[in-house]
Amino acid sequence: MFFLILISSIVAYLLGSVSSSYLLGRTLAGVDIRNHGSGNAGATNTLRILGWRIAVFVLFIDILKGVFAIAFAHLITGGNEVALAFAGFFAIVGHNWPVYFGFRGGKGVATTIGVLLTLYAAPALYAGLIAIALLLLFRYVSVASLTFVALTPIFQWIMHGNAAVILISFAIAIMTFIRHRTNIARLRSGQEHRLFSRTS
């Protein structure tokens, strides 16, 4: 089983490393999204720089990366929950530090959504609803993202989820907070950008 977990984790990382914002930005607009706006290769920066049509595709593809990574792990391990949790984690690592693109990726939120909803849908859904409410109220994507990853493992624990899944979810939350450290600094200083604001 260790070998299968290793294989599924490697495949998940390679799948996560496919940067949809970079590829679509290059193909459809002739720009490297990482050289514009926040420099982040993700859906939010794509929205600000390239518009909502391309951003929707980026969001959808990045979510599916997490889903497909776990689906592959399920296929080759018969649904081993440890394998699924590691596959989800490494899909996000791939998005954040993609091997194909000089390890310059995004912050992993969309892929995290796909991973957490696939691993344990109900806790992620409850956390997601709270995050969406905060996004609608305050229009801070970072606040919604951090709320989602922080609450999901807590709800998983309350609902007696698998220990490996809970631990991986906490690890994902820590990684997400680290990736959002500049956003956290801007929130504290009152300079964080709101969704649909003109500034990048």
Protein backbone atom coordinates (compact mmCIF):
# COMPACT_ATOMS: atom_id res chain seq x y z
CA MET A 1 0.00 0.00 0.00
CA PHE A 2 2.90 2.37 0.71
CA PHE A 3 4.00 2.11 -2.92
CA LEU A 4 0.48 2.90 -4.16
CA ILE A 5 0.23 5.87 -1.81
CA LEU A 6 3.57 7.13 -3.12
CA ILE A 7 2.50 6.72 -6.76
CA SER A 8 -0.85 8.44 -6.21
CA SER A 9 0.87 11.31 -4.37
CA ILE A 10 3.37 11.81 -7.21
CA VAL A 11 0.61 11.75 -9.82
CA ALA A 12 -1.41 14.20 -7.71
CA TYR A 13 1.55 16.58 -7.51
CA LEU A 14 2.14 16.43 -11.26
CA LEU A 15 -1.56 16.99 -11.93
CA GLY A 16 -1.67 19.89 -9.49
CA SER A 17 1.35 21.42 -11.22
CA VAL A 18 -0.69 22.12 -14.36
CA SER A 19 -1.19 25.89 -14.06
CA SER A 20 -4.46 26.73 -15.77
CA SER A 21 -4.12 30.48 -15.20
CA TYR A 22 -0.70 30.52 -16.83
CA LEU A 23 -1.72 28.33 -19.77
CA LEU A 24 -4.99 30.13 -20.45
CA GLY A 25 -3.36 33.53 -19.98
CA ARG A 26 -0.66 32.65 -22.50
CA THR A 27 -3.04 31.00 -24.96
CA LEU A 28 -5.97 33.42 -24.86
CA ALA A 29 -4.36 36.72 -23.92
CA GLY A 30 -0.66 36.31 -24.62
CA VAL A 31 0.35 37.25 -21.06
CA ASP A 32 2.11 35.55 -18.19
CA ILE A 33 -0.36 36.11 -15.37
CA ARG A 34 2.50 35.86 -12.86
CA ASN A 35 3.98 39.11 -14.19
CA HIS A 36 0.80 41.12 -13.61
CA GLY A 37 -1.32 42.21 -10.70
CA SER A 38 -0.46 40.33 -7.52
CA GLY A 39 1.78 37.93 -9.43
CA ASN A 40 -0.32 35.05 -8.22
CA ALA A 41 -1.18 32.27 -10.68
CA GLY A 42 -4.74 31.78 -9.55
CA ALA A 43 -8.36 32.59 -10.27
CA THR A 44 -8.54 35.84 -8.29
CA ASN A 45 -5.60 37.46 -10.06
CA THR A 46 -6.92 36.13 -13.37
CA LEU A 47 -10.24 37.82 -12.65
CA ARG A 48 -8.56 41.16 -12.03
CA ILE A 49 -6.22 40.98 -14.99
CA LEU A 50 -8.04 38.96 -17.67
CA GLY A 51 -11.71 39.22 -16.71
CA TRP A 52 -14.36 36.91 -15.37
CA ARG A 53 -14.73 34.63 -18.42
CA ILE A 54 -11.18 33.31 -18.25
CA ALA A 55 -11.26 33.38 -14.44
CA VAL A 56 -14.27 31.05 -14.39
CA PHE A 57 -12.39 28.51 -16.50
CA VAL A 58 -9.34 28.80 -14.26
CA LEU A 59 -11.46 28.28 -11.15
CA PHE A 60 -13.24 25.27 -12.65
CA ILE A 61 -10.04 23.59 -13.87
CA ASP A 62 -8.20 24.18 -10.60
CA ILE A 63 -11.07 22.67 -8.60
CA LEU A 64 -11.09 19.64 -10.90
CA LYS A 65 -7.36 19.10 -10.32
CA GLY A 66 -8.12 18.29 -6.70
CA VAL A 67 -11.07 16.09 -7.62
CA PHE A 68 -9.16 14.11 -10.24
CA ALA A 69 -6.12 13.66 -8.00
CA ILE A 70 -8.26 12.02 -5.34
CA ALA A 71 -10.21 10.04 -7.94
CA PHE A 72 -6.96 8.54 -9.26
CA ALA A 73 -5.84 7.66 -5.73
CA HIS A 74 -9.21 6.02 -5.13
CA LEU A 75 -8.86 4.04 -8.34
CA ILE A 76 -5.47 2.53 -7.60
CA THR A 77 -5.83 2.07 -3.82
CA GLY A 78 -9.45 1.00 -3.58
CA GLY A 79 -10.38 4.10 -1.59
CA ASN A 80 -7.71 3.98 1.10
CA GLU A 81 -8.39 7.15 3.12
CA VAL A 82 -4.73 7.81 3.88
CA ALA A 83 -3.92 7.66 0.16
CA LEU A 84 -6.82 9.98 -0.65
CA ALA A 85 -5.72 12.50 1.96
CA PHE A 86 -2.11 12.52 0.75
CA ALA A 87 -3.19 12.79 -2.88
CA GLY A 88 -5.29 15.83 -2.05
CA PHE A 89 -2.46 17.44 -0.13
CA PHE A 90 0.07 16.96 -2.90
CA ALA A 91 -2.32 18.20 -5.58
CA ILE A 92 -2.41 21.50 -3.67
CA VAL A 93 1.38 21.47 -3.24
CA GLY A 94 1.66 21.04 -7.01
CA HIS A 95 -0.60 24.02 -7.64
CA ASN A 96 1.39 26.18 -5.23
CA TRP A 97 4.83 25.06 -6.42
CA PRO A 98 4.38 23.66 -9.97
CA VAL A 99 7.33 21.72 -11.30
CA TYR A 100 6.49 22.67 -14.90
CA PHE A 101 6.57 26.42 -14.28
CA GLY A 102 9.63 27.11 -12.15
CA PHE A 103 7.73 26.39 -8.90
CA ARG A 104 5.87 29.71 -9.26
CA GLY A 105 2.22 28.92 -8.69
CA GLY A 106 -0.84 30.14 -6.90
CA LYS A 107 -2.15 29.96 -3.37
CA GLY A 108 -4.08 26.74 -3.88
CA VAL A 109 -7.55 27.83 -2.80
CA ALA A 110 -9.52 26.50 -5.79
CA THR A 111 -7.67 23.18 -5.72
CA THR A 112 -8.21 23.06 -1.95
CA ILE A 113 -11.95 23.47 -2.53
CA GLY A 114 -11.93 20.49 -4.87
CA VAL A 115 -9.84 18.42 -2.46
CA LEU A 116 -11.82 19.12 0.70
CA LEU A 117 -15.21 18.72 -0.93
CA THR A 118 -14.11 15.39 -2.38
CA LEU A 119 -12.49 14.09 0.80
CA TYR A 120 -15.41 14.88 3.11
CA ALA A 121 -18.17 16.89 1.49
CA ALA A 122 -20.43 17.84 4.40
CA PRO A 123 -17.86 19.63 6.63
CA ALA A 124 -16.37 21.41 3.62
CA LEU A 125 -19.84 22.48 2.50
CA TYR A 126 -20.70 23.93 5.92
CA ALA A 127 -17.38 25.77 6.06
CA GLY A 128 -17.88 26.92 2.47
CA LEU A 129 -21.28 28.41 3.20
CA ILE A 130 -19.82 30.48 6.02
CA ALA A 131 -16.93 31.54 3.80
CA ILE A 132 -19.29 32.57 0.99
CA ALA A 133 -21.36 34.63 3.45
CA LEU A 134 -18.22 36.46 4.57
CA LEU A 135 -17.18 37.01 0.95
CA LEU A 136 -20.56 38.55 0.12
CA LEU A 137 -20.45 40.74 3.21
CA PHE A 138 -16.87 42.00 3.04
CA ARG A 139 -15.64 41.11 -0.49
CA TYR A 140 -12.29 39.86 0.80
CA VAL A 141 -11.36 36.67 -1.02
CA SER A 142 -8.52 36.05 1.41
CA VAL A 143 -10.84 36.18 4.44
CA ALA A 144 -13.25 33.74 2.80
CA SER A 145 -10.41 31.42 1.79
CA LEU A 146 -8.80 31.37 5.21
CA THR A 147 -12.16 30.87 6.91
CA PHE A 148 -12.91 27.91 4.66
CA VAL A 149 -9.63 26.08 5.31
CA ALA A 150 -9.70 26.84 9.04
CA LEU A 151 -13.26 25.66 9.64
CA THR A 152 -13.25 22.54 7.46
CA PRO A 153 -10.98 20.39 9.70
CA ILE A 154 -12.88 21.61 12.77
CA PHE A 155 -16.18 20.47 11.25
CA GLN A 156 -14.51 17.22 10.18
CA TRP A 157 -13.44 16.63 13.77
CA ILE A 158 -16.90 17.46 15.13
CA MET A 159 -18.45 15.04 12.63
CA HIS A 160 -15.97 12.28 13.58
CA GLY A 161 -14.09 12.17 10.30
CA ASN A 162 -11.13 9.94 9.54
CA ALA A 163 -8.05 10.95 11.55
CA ALA A 164 -5.78 11.03 8.49
CA VAL A 165 -8.20 13.28 6.64
CA ILE A 166 -8.47 15.65 9.61
CA LEU A 167 -4.69 15.87 10.01
CA ILE A 168 -4.19 16.51 6.30
CA SER A 169 -6.92 19.16 6.41
CA PHE A 170 -5.11 20.91 9.26
CA ALA A 171 -1.86 20.70 7.25
CA ILE A 172 -3.65 22.21 4.25
CA ALA A 173 -4.97 25.01 6.47
CA ILE A 174 -1.47 25.78 7.77
CA MET A 175 -0.07 25.77 4.23
CA THR A 176 -2.85 28.09 3.06
CA PHE A 177 -2.23 30.55 5.89
CA ILE A 178 1.48 30.57 5.02
CA ARG A 179 0.68 31.24 1.35
CA HIS A 180 -1.63 34.09 2.40
CA ARG A 181 0.82 35.77 4.77
CA THR A 182 1.02 38.90 2.59
CA ASN A 183 -2.79 39.06 2.47
CA ILE A 184 -2.91 38.76 6.25
CA ALA A 185 -0.42 41.62 6.56
CA ARG A 186 -2.54 43.77 4.22
CA LEU A 187 -5.69 42.92 6.18
CA ARG A 188 -4.03 44.05 9.38
CA SER A 189 -2.94 47.31 7.77
CA GLY A 190 -6.29 47.90 6.04
CA GLN A 191 -4.77 47.64 2.56
CA GLU A 192 -6.16 44.31 1.39
CA HIS A 193 -7.85 44.41 -2.02
CA ARG A 194 -11.56 43.68 -2.24
CA LEU A 195 -13.15 41.50 -4.89
CA PHE A 196 -14.01 43.46 -8.05
CA SER A 197 -11.84 46.38 -6.96
CA ARG A 198 -9.83 47.94 -9.76
CA THR A 199 -6.55 47.71 -7.90
CA SER A 200 -4.54 44.49 -8.18
